[in-house]
Amino acid sequence: GGTFGDYAAGWFRQTPGDEREFVAAISRIGGITDYGNSVKGRFTISR
């Protein structure tokens, strides 16, 4: 429904009773990323 390349994107996670937690984010062109502390070094975001 849109041009994905126009969007910054990210992943979040949530467990029942907990707040939504940031996991990873990526810029539109994919070269810039960031990760939550609990997943750094283990998870990789890409597009």
ModelCIF file with pLDDT and N, C-alpha, C, O atoms, coordinates in Angstrom:
data_MODEL
#
_entry.id   MODEL 
#
_entity.id                         1 
_entity.type                       polymer 
_entity.pdbx_number_of_molecules   1 
#
_entity_poly.entity_id                      1 
_entity_poly.type                           'polypeptide(L)' 
_entity_poly.nstd_linkage                   no 
_entity_poly.nstd_monomer                   no 
_entity_poly.pdbx_seq_one_letter_code       GGTFGDYAAGWFRQTPGDEREFVAAISRIGGITDYGNSVKGRFTISR 
_entity_poly.pdbx_seq_one_letter_code_can   GGTFGDYAAGWFRQTPGDEREFVAAISRIGGITDYGNSVKGRFTISR 
_entity_poly.pdbx_strand_id                 A 
#
loop_
_entity_poly_seq.entity_id 
_entity_poly_seq.num 
_entity_poly_seq.mon_id 
_entity_poly_seq.hetero 
1 1  GLY n 
1 2  GLY n 
1 3  THR n 
1 4  PHE n 
1 5  GLY n 
1 6  ASP n 
1 7  TYR n 
1 8  ALA n 
1 9  ALA n 
1 10 GLY n 
1 11 TRP n 
1 12 PHE n 
1 13 ARG n 
1 14 GLN n 
1 15 THR n 
1 16 PRO n 
1 17 GLY n 
1 18 ASP n 
1 19 GLU n 
1 20 ARG n 
1 21 GLU n 
1 22 PHE n 
1 23 VAL n 
1 24 ALA n 
1 25 ALA n 
1 26 ILE n 
1 27 SER n 
1 28 ARG n 
1 29 ILE n 
1 30 GLY n 
1 31 GLY n 
1 32 ILE n 
1 33 THR n 
1 34 ASP n 
1 35 TYR n 
1 36 GLY n 
1 37 ASN n 
1 38 SER n 
1 39 VAL n 
1 40 LYS n 
1 41 GLY n 
1 42 ARG n 
1 43 PHE n 
1 44 THR n 
1 45 ILE n 
1 46 SER n 
1 47 ARG n 
#
_struct_asym.id          A 
_struct_asym.entity_id   1 
#
loop_
_ma_qa_metric.id 
_ma_qa_metric.mode 
_ma_qa_metric.name 
_ma_qa_metric.software_group_id 
_ma_qa_metric.type 
1 global pLDDT . pLDDT 
2 local  pLDDT . pLDDT 
#
_ma_qa_metric_global.metric_id      1 
_ma_qa_metric_global.metric_value   94.94 
_ma_qa_metric_global.model_id       1 
_ma_qa_metric_global.ordinal_id     1 
#
loop_
_ma_qa_metric_local.label_asym_id 
_ma_qa_metric_local.label_comp_id 
_ma_qa_metric_local.label_seq_id 
_ma_qa_metric_local.metric_id 
_ma_qa_metric_local.metric_value 
_ma_qa_metric_local.model_id 
_ma_qa_metric_local.ordinal_id 
A GLY 1  2 94.00 1 1  
A GLY 2  2 90.00 1 2  
A THR 3  2 92.00 1 3  
A PHE 4  2 93.00 1 4  
A GLY 5  2 94.00 1 5  
A ASP 6  2 95.00 1 6  
A TYR 7  2 96.00 1 7  
A ALA 8  2 97.00 1 8  
A ALA 9  2 97.00 1 9  
A GLY 10 2 98.00 1 10 
A TRP 11 2 98.00 1 11 
A PHE 12 2 98.00 1 12 
A ARG 13 2 98.00 1 13 
A GLN 14 2 97.00 1 14 
A THR 15 2 95.00 1 15 
A PRO 16 2 89.00 1 16 
A GLY 17 2 88.00 1 17 
A ASP 18 2 90.00 1 18 
A GLU 19 2 92.00 1 19 
A ARG 20 2 95.00 1 20 
A GLU 21 2 97.00 1 21 
A PHE 22 2 98.00 1 22 
A VAL 23 2 98.00 1 23 
A ALA 24 2 98.00 1 24 
A ALA 25 2 98.00 1 25 
A ILE 26 2 97.00 1 26 
A SER 27 2 97.00 1 27 
A ARG 28 2 95.00 1 28 
A ILE 29 2 87.00 1 29 
A GLY 30 2 72.00 1 30 
A GLY 31 2 80.00 1 31 
A ILE 32 2 95.00 1 32 
A THR 33 2 97.00 1 33 
A ASP 34 2 97.00 1 34 
A TYR 35 2 98.00 1 35 
A GLY 36 2 98.00 1 36 
A ASN 37 2 98.00 1 37 
A SER 38 2 97.00 1 38 
A VAL 39 2 98.00 1 39 
A LYS 40 2 98.00 1 40 
A GLY 41 2 98.00 1 41 
A ARG 42 2 98.00 1 42 
A PHE 43 2 98.00 1 43 
A THR 44 2 98.00 1 44 
A ILE 45 2 98.00 1 45 
A SER 46 2 97.00 1 46 
A ARG 47 2 96.00 1 47 
#
loop_
_atom_site.group_PDB 
_atom_site.id 
_atom_site.type_symbol 
_atom_site.label_atom_id 
_atom_site.label_alt_id 
_atom_site.label_comp_id 
_atom_site.label_asym_id 
_atom_site.label_entity_id 
_atom_site.label_seq_id 
_atom_site.pdbx_PDB_ins_code 
_atom_site.Cartn_x 
_atom_site.Cartn_y 
_atom_site.Cartn_z 
_atom_site.occupancy 
_atom_site.B_iso_or_equiv 
_atom_site.pdbx_formal_charge 
_atom_site.auth_seq_id 
_atom_site.auth_comp_id 
_atom_site.auth_asym_id 
_atom_site.auth_atom_id 
_atom_site.pdbx_PDB_model_num 
ATOM 1   N N  . GLY A 1 1  ? 0.786  -1.220  0.000  1.00 94.00 ? 1  GLY A N  1 
ATOM 2   C CA . GLY A 1 1  ? 0.000  0.000   0.000  1.00 94.00 ? 1  GLY A CA 1 
ATOM 3   C C  . GLY A 1 1  ? 0.820  1.272   0.000  1.00 94.00 ? 1  GLY A C  1 
ATOM 4   O O  . GLY A 1 1  ? 0.268  2.369   0.087  1.00 94.00 ? 1  GLY A O  1 
ATOM 5   N N  . GLY A 1 2  ? 2.122  1.138   -0.096 1.00 90.00 ? 2  GLY A N  1 
ATOM 6   C CA . GLY A 1 2  ? 2.974  2.307   -0.105 1.00 90.00 ? 2  GLY A CA 1 
ATOM 7   C C  . GLY A 1 2  ? 4.337  1.946   -0.655 1.00 90.00 ? 2  GLY A C  1 
ATOM 8   O O  . GLY A 1 2  ? 4.600  0.781   -0.952 1.00 90.00 ? 2  GLY A O  1 
ATOM 9   N N  . THR A 1 3  ? 5.194  2.919   -0.791 1.00 92.00 ? 3  THR A N  1 
ATOM 10  C CA . THR A 1 3  ? 6.560  2.679   -1.260 1.00 92.00 ? 3  THR A CA 1 
ATOM 11  C C  . THR A 1 3  ? 7.449  2.500   -0.046 1.00 92.00 ? 3  THR A C  1 
ATOM 12  O O  . THR A 1 3  ? 7.747  3.462   0.663  1.00 92.00 ? 3  THR A O  1 
ATOM 13  N N  . PHE A 1 4  ? 7.870  1.274   0.190  1.00 93.00 ? 4  PHE A N  1 
ATOM 14  C CA . PHE A 1 4  ? 8.601  0.962   1.425  1.00 93.00 ? 4  PHE A CA 1 
ATOM 15  C C  . PHE A 1 4  ? 9.853  1.801   1.581  1.00 93.00 ? 4  PHE A C  1 
ATOM 16  O O  . PHE A 1 4  ? 10.253 2.132   2.697  1.00 93.00 ? 4  PHE A O  1 
ATOM 17  N N  . GLY A 1 5  ? 10.468 2.144   0.467  1.00 94.00 ? 5  GLY A N  1 
ATOM 18  C CA . GLY A 1 5  ? 11.671 2.951   0.534  1.00 94.00 ? 5  GLY A CA 1 
ATOM 19  C C  . GLY A 1 5  ? 11.443 4.343   1.087  1.00 94.00 ? 5  GLY A C  1 
ATOM 20  O O  . GLY A 1 5  ? 12.409 5.033   1.410  1.00 94.00 ? 5  GLY A O  1 
ATOM 21  N N  . ASP A 1 6  ? 10.213 4.775   1.205  1.00 95.00 ? 6  ASP A N  1 
ATOM 22  C CA . ASP A 1 6  ? 9.893  6.085   1.771  1.00 95.00 ? 6  ASP A CA 1 
ATOM 23  C C  . ASP A 1 6  ? 9.769  6.054   3.290  1.00 95.00 ? 6  ASP A C  1 
ATOM 24  O O  . ASP A 1 6  ? 9.563  7.090   3.923  1.00 95.00 ? 6  ASP A O  1 
ATOM 25  N N  . TYR A 1 7  ? 9.896  4.856   3.877  1.00 96.00 ? 7  TYR A N  1 
ATOM 26  C CA . TYR A 1 7  ? 9.604  4.703   5.299  1.00 96.00 ? 7  TYR A CA 1 
ATOM 27  C C  . TYR A 1 7  ? 10.829 4.321   6.135  1.00 96.00 ? 7  TYR A C  1 
ATOM 28  O O  . TYR A 1 7  ? 11.591 3.425   5.772  1.00 96.00 ? 7  TYR A O  1 
ATOM 29  N N  . ALA A 1 8  ? 10.998 5.009   7.244  1.00 97.00 ? 8  ALA A N  1 
ATOM 30  C CA . ALA A 1 8  ? 11.859 4.488   8.290  1.00 97.00 ? 8  ALA A CA 1 
ATOM 31  C C  . ALA A 1 8  ? 11.087 3.356   8.964  1.00 97.00 ? 8  ALA A C  1 
ATOM 32  O O  . ALA A 1 8  ? 9.856  3.384   8.991  1.00 97.00 ? 8  ALA A O  1 
ATOM 33  N N  . ALA A 1 9  ? 11.785 2.364   9.507  1.00 97.00 ? 9  ALA A N  1 
ATOM 34  C CA . ALA A 1 9  ? 11.082 1.190   10.030 1.00 97.00 ? 9  ALA A CA 1 
ATOM 35  C C  . ALA A 1 9  ? 11.750 0.684   11.306 1.00 97.00 ? 9  ALA A C  1 
ATOM 36  O O  . ALA A 1 9  ? 12.884 1.038   11.629 1.00 97.00 ? 9  ALA A O  1 
ATOM 37  N N  . GLY A 1 10 ? 11.004 -0.155  12.012 1.00 98.00 ? 10 GLY A N  1 
ATOM 38  C CA . GLY A 1 10 ? 11.550 -0.691  13.246 1.00 98.00 ? 10 GLY A CA 1 
ATOM 39  C C  . GLY A 1 10 ? 10.813 -1.933  13.712 1.00 98.00 ? 10 GLY A C  1 
ATOM 40  O O  . GLY A 1 10 ? 9.763  -2.295  13.180 1.00 98.00 ? 10 GLY A O  1 
ATOM 41  N N  . TRP A 1 11 ? 11.380 -2.568  14.705 1.00 98.00 ? 11 TRP A N  1 
ATOM 42  C CA . TRP A 1 11 ? 10.782 -3.717  15.372 1.00 98.00 ? 11 TRP A CA 1 
ATOM 43  C C  . TRP A 1 11 ? 10.619 -3.407  16.853 1.00 98.00 ? 11 TRP A C  1 
ATOM 44  O O  . TRP A 1 11 ? 11.491 -2.808  17.481 1.00 98.00 ? 11 TRP A O  1 
ATOM 45  N N  . PHE A 1 12 ? 9.491  -3.825  17.389 1.00 98.00 ? 12 PHE A N  1 
ATOM 46  C CA . PHE A 1 12 ? 9.203  -3.695  18.805 1.00 98.00 ? 12 PHE A CA 1 
ATOM 47  C C  . PHE A 1 12 ? 8.655  -5.025  19.294 1.00 98.00 ? 12 PHE A C  1 
ATOM 48  O O  . PHE A 1 12 ? 8.210  -5.850  18.496 1.00 98.00 ? 12 PHE A O  1 
ATOM 49  N N  . ARG A 1 13 ? 8.687  -5.234  20.602 1.00 98.00 ? 13 ARG A N  1 
ATOM 50  C CA . ARG A 1 13 ? 8.117  -6.462  21.139 1.00 98.00 ? 13 ARG A CA 1 
ATOM 51  C C  . ARG A 1 13 ? 7.350  -6.154  22.418 1.00 98.00 ? 13 ARG A C  1 
ATOM 52  O O  . ARG A 1 13 ? 7.590  -5.152  23.092 1.00 98.00 ? 13 ARG A O  1 
ATOM 53  N N  . GLN A 1 14 ? 6.425  -7.047  22.725 1.00 97.00 ? 14 GLN A N  1 
ATOM 54  C CA . GLN A 1 14 ? 5.595  -6.835  23.902 1.00 97.00 ? 14 GLN A CA 1 
ATOM 55  C C  . GLN A 1 14 ? 5.166  -8.164  24.479 1.00 97.00 ? 14 GLN A C  1 
ATOM 56  O O  . GLN A 1 14 ? 4.828  -9.094  23.746 1.00 97.00 ? 14 GLN A O  1 
ATOM 57  N N  . THR A 1 15 ? 5.183  -8.248  25.799 1.00 95.00 ? 15 THR A N  1 
ATOM 58  C CA . THR A 1 15 ? 4.659  -9.401  26.511 1.00 95.00 ? 15 THR A CA 1 
ATOM 59  C C  . THR A 1 15 ? 3.464  -8.940  27.338 1.00 95.00 ? 15 THR A C  1 
ATOM 60  O O  . THR A 1 15 ? 3.382  -7.762  27.688 1.00 95.00 ? 15 THR A O  1 
ATOM 61  N N  . PRO A 1 16 ? 2.538  -9.837  27.657 1.00 89.00 ? 16 PRO A N  1 
ATOM 62  C CA . PRO A 1 16 ? 1.346  -9.440  28.427 1.00 89.00 ? 16 PRO A CA 1 
ATOM 63  C C  . PRO A 1 16 ? 1.713  -8.756  29.733 1.00 89.00 ? 16 PRO A C  1 
ATOM 64  O O  . PRO A 1 16 ? 2.519  -9.270  30.509 1.00 89.00 ? 16 PRO A O  1 
ATOM 65  N N  . GLY A 1 17 ? 1.126  -7.614  29.966 1.00 88.00 ? 17 GLY A N  1 
ATOM 66  C CA . GLY A 1 17 ? 1.354  -6.897  31.197 1.00 88.00 ? 17 GLY A CA 1 
ATOM 67  C C  . GLY A 1 17 ? 2.565  -5.985  31.187 1.00 88.00 ? 17 GLY A C  1 
ATOM 68  O O  . GLY A 1 17 ? 2.786  -5.224  32.129 1.00 88.00 ? 17 GLY A O  1 
ATOM 69  N N  . ASP A 1 18 ? 3.355  -6.060  30.115 1.00 90.00 ? 18 ASP A N  1 
ATOM 70  C CA . ASP A 1 18 ? 4.540  -5.221  30.021 1.00 90.00 ? 18 ASP A CA 1 
ATOM 71  C C  . ASP A 1 18 ? 4.361  -4.138  28.968 1.00 90.00 ? 18 ASP A C  1 
ATOM 72  O O  . ASP A 1 18 ? 3.506  -4.238  28.088 1.00 90.00 ? 18 ASP A O  1 
ATOM 73  N N  . GLU A 1 19 ? 5.172  -3.114  29.075 1.00 92.00 ? 19 GLU A N  1 
ATOM 74  C CA . GLU A 1 19 ? 5.152  -2.069  28.065 1.00 92.00 ? 19 GLU A CA 1 
ATOM 75  C C  . GLU A 1 19 ? 5.850  -2.545  26.800 1.00 92.00 ? 19 GLU A C  1 
ATOM 76  O O  . GLU A 1 19 ? 6.675  -3.458  26.830 1.00 92.00 ? 19 GLU A O  1 
ATOM 77  N N  . ARG A 1 20 ? 5.506  -1.915  25.704 1.00 95.00 ? 20 ARG A N  1 
ATOM 78  C CA . ARG A 1 20 ? 6.166  -2.199  24.445 1.00 95.00 ? 20 ARG A CA 1 
ATOM 79  C C  . ARG A 1 20 ? 7.650  -1.846  24.542 1.00 95.00 ? 20 ARG A C  1 
ATOM 80  O O  . ARG A 1 20 ? 8.011  -0.790  25.062 1.00 95.00 ? 20 ARG A O  1 
ATOM 81  N N  . GLU A 1 21 ? 8.485  -2.717  24.051 1.00 97.00 ? 21 GLU A N  1 
ATOM 82  C CA . GLU A 1 21 ? 9.936  -2.534  24.140 1.00 97.00 ? 21 GLU A CA 1 
ATOM 83  C C  . GLU A 1 21 ? 10.535 -2.332  22.760 1.00 97.00 ? 21 GLU A C  1 
ATOM 84  O O  . GLU A 1 21 ? 10.228 -3.075  21.827 1.00 97.00 ? 21 GLU A O  1 
ATOM 85  N N  . PHE A 1 22 ? 11.372 -1.348  22.633 1.00 98.00 ? 22 PHE A N  1 
ATOM 86  C CA . PHE A 1 22 ? 12.097 -1.109  21.383 1.00 98.00 ? 22 PHE A CA 1 
ATOM 87  C C  . PHE A 1 22 ? 13.114 -2.225  21.161 1.00 98.00 ? 22 PHE A C  1 
ATOM 88  O O  . PHE A 1 22 ? 13.860 -2.587  22.071 1.00 98.00 ? 22 PHE A O  1 
ATOM 89  N N  . VAL A 1 23 ? 13.136 -2.763  19.949 1.00 98.00 ? 23 VAL A N  1 
ATOM 90  C CA . VAL A 1 23 ? 14.085 -3.817  19.604 1.00 98.00 ? 23 VAL A CA 1 
ATOM 91  C C  . VAL A 1 23 ? 15.140 -3.314  18.630 1.00 98.00 ? 23 VAL A C  1 
ATOM 92  O O  . VAL A 1 23 ? 16.338 -3.426  18.893 1.00 98.00 ? 23 VAL A O  1 
ATOM 93  N N  . ALA A 1 24 ? 14.697 -2.761  17.504 1.00 98.00 ? 24 ALA A N  1 
ATOM 94  C CA . ALA A 1 24 ? 15.652 -2.324  16.482 1.00 98.00 ? 24 ALA A CA 1 
ATOM 95  C C  . ALA A 1 24 ? 14.979 -1.331  15.551 1.00 98.00 ? 24 ALA A C  1 
ATOM 96  O O  . ALA A 1 24 ? 13.758 -1.341  15.393 1.00 98.00 ? 24 ALA A O  1 
ATOM 97  N N  . ALA A 1 25 ? 15.783 -0.475  14.937 1.00 98.00 ? 25 ALA A N  1 
ATOM 98  C CA . ALA A 1 25 ? 15.276 0.512   13.992 1.00 98.00 ? 25 ALA A CA 1 
ATOM 99  C C  . ALA A 1 25 ? 16.262 0.662   12.844 1.00 98.00 ? 25 ALA A C  1 
ATOM 100 O O  . ALA A 1 25 ? 17.457 0.400   12.983 1.00 98.00 ? 25 ALA A O  1 
ATOM 101 N N  . ILE A 1 26 ? 15.730 1.089   11.715 1.00 97.00 ? 26 ILE A N  1 
ATOM 102 C CA . ILE A 1 26 ? 16.563 1.226   10.528 1.00 97.00 ? 26 ILE A CA 1 
ATOM 103 C C  . ILE A 1 26 ? 16.081 2.413   9.712  1.00 97.00 ? 26 ILE A C  1 
ATOM 104 O O  . ILE A 1 26 ? 14.885 2.693   9.641  1.00 97.00 ? 26 ILE A O  1 
ATOM 105 N N  . SER A 1 27 ? 17.035 3.109   9.094  1.00 97.00 ? 27 SER A N  1 
ATOM 106 C CA . SER A 1 27 ? 16.702 4.256   8.273  1.00 97.00 ? 27 SER A CA 1 
ATOM 107 C C  . SER A 1 27 ? 16.156 3.807   6.918  1.00 97.00 ? 27 SER A C  1 
ATOM 108 O O  . SER A 1 27 ? 16.158 2.618   6.597  1.00 97.00 ? 27 SER A O  1 
ATOM 109 N N  . ARG A 1 28 ? 15.699 4.760   6.146  1.00 95.00 ? 28 ARG A N  1 
ATOM 110 C CA . ARG A 1 28 ? 15.071 4.445   4.853  1.00 95.00 ? 28 ARG A CA 1 
ATOM 111 C C  . ARG A 1 28 ? 15.994 3.696   3.914  1.00 95.00 ? 28 ARG A C  1 
ATOM 112 O O  . ARG A 1 28 ? 15.569 2.760   3.236  1.00 95.00 ? 28 ARG A O  1 
ATOM 113 N N  . ILE A 1 29 ? 17.245 4.097   3.869  1.00 87.00 ? 29 ILE A N  1 
ATOM 114 C CA . ILE A 1 29 ? 18.154 3.446   2.924  1.00 87.00 ? 29 ILE A CA 1 
ATOM 115 C C  . ILE A 1 29 ? 18.893 2.287   3.557  1.00 87.00 ? 29 ILE A C  1 
ATOM 116 O O  . ILE A 1 29 ? 19.695 1.625   2.899  1.00 87.00 ? 29 ILE A O  1 
ATOM 117 N N  . GLY A 1 30 ? 18.630 2.035   4.834  1.00 72.00 ? 30 GLY A N  1 
ATOM 118 C CA . GLY A 1 30 ? 19.152 0.844   5.466  1.00 72.00 ? 30 GLY A CA 1 
ATOM 119 C C  . GLY A 1 30 ? 20.552 0.929   6.016  1.00 72.00 ? 30 GLY A C  1 
ATOM 120 O O  . GLY A 1 30 ? 21.029 -0.025  6.632  1.00 72.00 ? 30 GLY A O  1 
ATOM 121 N N  . GLY A 1 31 ? 21.212 2.025   5.816  1.00 80.00 ? 31 GLY A N  1 
ATOM 122 C CA . GLY A 1 31 ? 22.591 2.081   6.268  1.00 80.00 ? 31 GLY A CA 1 
ATOM 123 C C  . GLY A 1 31 ? 22.770 2.461   7.718  1.00 80.00 ? 31 GLY A C  1 
ATOM 124 O O  . GLY A 1 31 ? 23.865 2.320   8.264  1.00 80.00 ? 31 GLY A O  1 
ATOM 125 N N  . ILE A 1 32 ? 21.722 2.938   8.351  1.00 95.00 ? 32 ILE A N  1 
ATOM 126 C CA . ILE A 1 32 ? 21.805 3.411   9.730  1.00 95.00 ? 32 ILE A CA 1 
ATOM 127 C C  . ILE A 1 32 ? 20.825 2.610   10.572 1.00 95.00 ? 32 ILE A C  1 
ATOM 128 O O  . ILE A 1 32 ? 19.633 2.539   10.269 1.00 95.00 ? 32 ILE A O  1 
ATOM 129 N N  . THR A 1 33 ? 21.349 2.009   11.636 1.00 97.00 ? 33 THR A N  1 
ATOM 130 C CA . THR A 1 33 ? 20.518 1.150   12.483 1.00 97.00 ? 33 THR A CA 1 
ATOM 131 C C  . THR A 1 33 ? 20.777 1.451   13.954 1.00 97.00 ? 33 THR A C  1 
ATOM 132 O O  . THR A 1 33 ? 21.772 2.082   14.312 1.00 97.00 ? 33 THR A O  1 
ATOM 133 N N  . ASP A 1 34 ? 19.876 0.995   14.783 1.00 97.00 ? 34 ASP A N  1 
ATOM 134 C CA . ASP A 1 34 ? 20.043 1.103   16.232 1.00 97.00 ? 34 ASP A CA 1 
ATOM 135 C C  . ASP A 1 34 ? 19.316 -0.072  16.873 1.00 97.00 ? 34 ASP A C  1 
ATOM 136 O O  . ASP A 1 34 ? 18.380 -0.629  16.299 1.00 97.00 ? 34 ASP A O  1 
ATOM 137 N N  . TYR A 1 35 ? 19.770 -0.443  18.089 1.00 98.00 ? 35 TYR A N  1 
ATOM 138 C CA . TYR A 1 35 ? 19.219 -1.614  18.750 1.00 98.00 ? 35 TYR A CA 1 
ATOM 139 C C  . TYR A 1 35 ? 18.967 -1.348  20.225 1.00 98.00 ? 35 TYR A C  1 
ATOM 140 O O  . TYR A 1 35 ? 19.640 -0.529  20.850 1.00 98.00 ? 35 TYR A O  1 
ATOM 141 N N  . GLY A 1 36 ? 17.986 -2.055  20.769 1.00 98.00 ? 36 GLY A N  1 
ATOM 142 C CA . GLY A 1 36 ? 17.789 -2.015  22.193 1.00 98.00 ? 36 GLY A CA 1 
ATOM 143 C C  . GLY A 1 36 ? 18.948 -2.710  22.896 1.00 98.00 ? 36 GLY A C  1 
ATOM 144 O O  . GLY A 1 36 ? 19.562 -3.617  22.333 1.00 98.00 ? 36 GLY A O  1 
ATOM 145 N N  . ASN A 1 37 ? 19.244 -2.300  24.099 1.00 98.00 ? 37 ASN A N  1 
ATOM 146 C CA . ASN A 1 37 ? 20.398 -2.838  24.815 1.00 98.00 ? 37 ASN A CA 1 
ATOM 147 C C  . ASN A 1 37 ? 20.315 -4.352  25.010 1.00 98.00 ? 37 ASN A C  1 
ATOM 148 O O  . ASN A 1 37 ? 21.336 -5.040  25.007 1.00 98.00 ? 37 ASN A O  1 
ATOM 149 N N  . SER A 1 38 ? 19.107 -4.861  25.179 1.00 97.00 ? 38 SER A N  1 
ATOM 150 C CA . SER A 1 38 ? 18.955 -6.281  25.479 1.00 97.00 ? 38 SER A CA 1 
ATOM 151 C C  . SER A 1 38 ? 19.205 -7.178  24.264 1.00 97.00 ? 38 SER A C  1 
ATOM 152 O O  . SER A 1 38 ? 19.366 -8.389  24.416 1.00 97.00 ? 38 SER A O  1 
ATOM 153 N N  . VAL A 1 39 ? 19.240 -6.593  23.057 1.00 98.00 ? 39 VAL A N  1 
ATOM 154 C CA . VAL A 1 39 ? 19.415 -7.418  21.859 1.00 98.00 ? 39 VAL A CA 1 
ATOM 155 C C  . VAL A 1 39 ? 20.685 -7.078  21.087 1.00 98.00 ? 39 VAL A C  1 
ATOM 156 O O  . VAL A 1 39 ? 21.000 -7.746  20.102 1.00 98.00 ? 39 VAL A O  1 
ATOM 157 N N  . LYS A 1 40 ? 21.410 -6.066  21.510 1.00 98.00 ? 40 LYS A N  1 
ATOM 158 C CA . LYS A 1 40 ? 22.622 -5.675  20.796 1.00 98.00 ? 40 LYS A CA 1 
ATOM 159 C C  . LYS A 1 40 ? 23.607 -6.831  20.706 1.00 98.00 ? 40 LYS A C  1 
ATOM 160 O O  . LYS A 1 40 ? 23.877 -7.518  21.691 1.00 98.00 ? 40 LYS A O  1 
ATOM 161 N N  . GLY A 1 41 ? 24.132 -7.027  19.520 1.00 98.00 ? 41 GLY A N  1 
ATOM 162 C CA . GLY A 1 41 ? 25.090 -8.100  19.308 1.00 98.00 ? 41 GLY A CA 1 
ATOM 163 C C  . GLY A 1 41 ? 24.449 -9.426  18.967 1.00 98.00 ? 41 GLY A C  1 
ATOM 164 O O  . GLY A 1 41 ? 25.137 -10.352 18.540 1.00 98.00 ? 41 GLY A O  1 
ATOM 165 N N  . ARG A 1 42 ? 23.133 -9.537  19.149 1.00 98.00 ? 42 ARG A N  1 
ATOM 166 C CA . ARG A 1 42 ? 22.424 -10.797 18.852 1.00 98.00 ? 42 ARG A CA 1 
ATOM 167 C C  . ARG A 1 42 ? 21.426 -10.652 17.710 1.00 98.00 ? 42 ARG A C  1 
ATOM 168 O O  . ARG A 1 42 ? 21.212 -11.599 16.952 1.00 98.00 ? 42 ARG A O  1 
ATOM 169 N N  . PHE A 1 43 ? 20.819 -9.490  17.580 1.00 98.00 ? 43 PHE A N  1 
ATOM 170 C CA . PHE A 1 43 ? 19.791 -9.266  16.560 1.00 98.00 ? 43 PHE A CA 1 
ATOM 171 C C  . PHE A 1 43 ? 20.349 -8.332  15.473 1.00 98.00 ? 43 PHE A C  1 
ATOM 172 O O  . PHE A 1 43 ? 21.192 -7.475  15.737 1.00 98.00 ? 43 PHE A O  1 
ATOM 173 N N  . THR A 1 44 ? 19.857 -8.527  14.260 1.00 98.00 ? 44 THR A N  1 
ATOM 174 C CA . THR A 1 44 ? 20.245 -7.669  13.149 1.00 98.00 ? 44 THR A CA 1 
ATOM 175 C C  . THR A 1 44 ? 19.001 -7.282  12.350 1.00 98.00 ? 44 THR A C  1 
ATOM 176 O O  . THR A 1 44 ? 18.245 -8.143  11.900 1.00 98.00 ? 44 THR A O  1 
ATOM 177 N N  . ILE A 1 45 ? 18.805 -5.987  12.185 1.00 98.00 ? 45 ILE A N  1 
ATOM 178 C CA . ILE A 1 45 ? 17.699 -5.498  11.368 1.00 98.00 ? 45 ILE A CA 1 
ATOM 179 C C  . ILE A 1 45 ? 18.231 -5.180  9.978  1.00 98.00 ? 45 ILE A C  1 
ATOM 180 O O  . ILE A 1 45 ? 19.341 -4.671  9.823  1.00 98.00 ? 45 ILE A O  1 
ATOM 181 N N  . SER A 1 46 ? 17.417 -5.489  8.971  1.00 97.00 ? 46 SER A N  1 
ATOM 182 C CA . SER A 1 46 ? 17.803 -5.183  7.604  1.00 97.00 ? 46 SER A CA 1 
ATOM 183 C C  . SER A 1 46 ? 16.535 -4.983  6.786  1.00 97.00 ? 46 SER A C  1 
ATOM 184 O O  . SER A 1 46 ? 15.427 -5.232  7.261  1.00 97.00 ? 46 SER A O  1 
ATOM 185 N N  . ARG A 1 47 ? 16.713 -4.531  5.551  1.00 96.00 ? 47 ARG A N  1 
ATOM 186 C CA . ARG A 1 47 ? 15.559 -4.285  4.707  1.00 96.00 ? 47 ARG A CA 1 
ATOM 187 C C  . ARG A 1 47 ? 15.907 -4.506  3.252  1.00 96.00 ? 47 ARG A C  1 
ATOM 188 O O  . ARG A 1 47 ? 15.051 -4.345  2.381  1.00 96.00 ? 47 ARG A O  1 
#
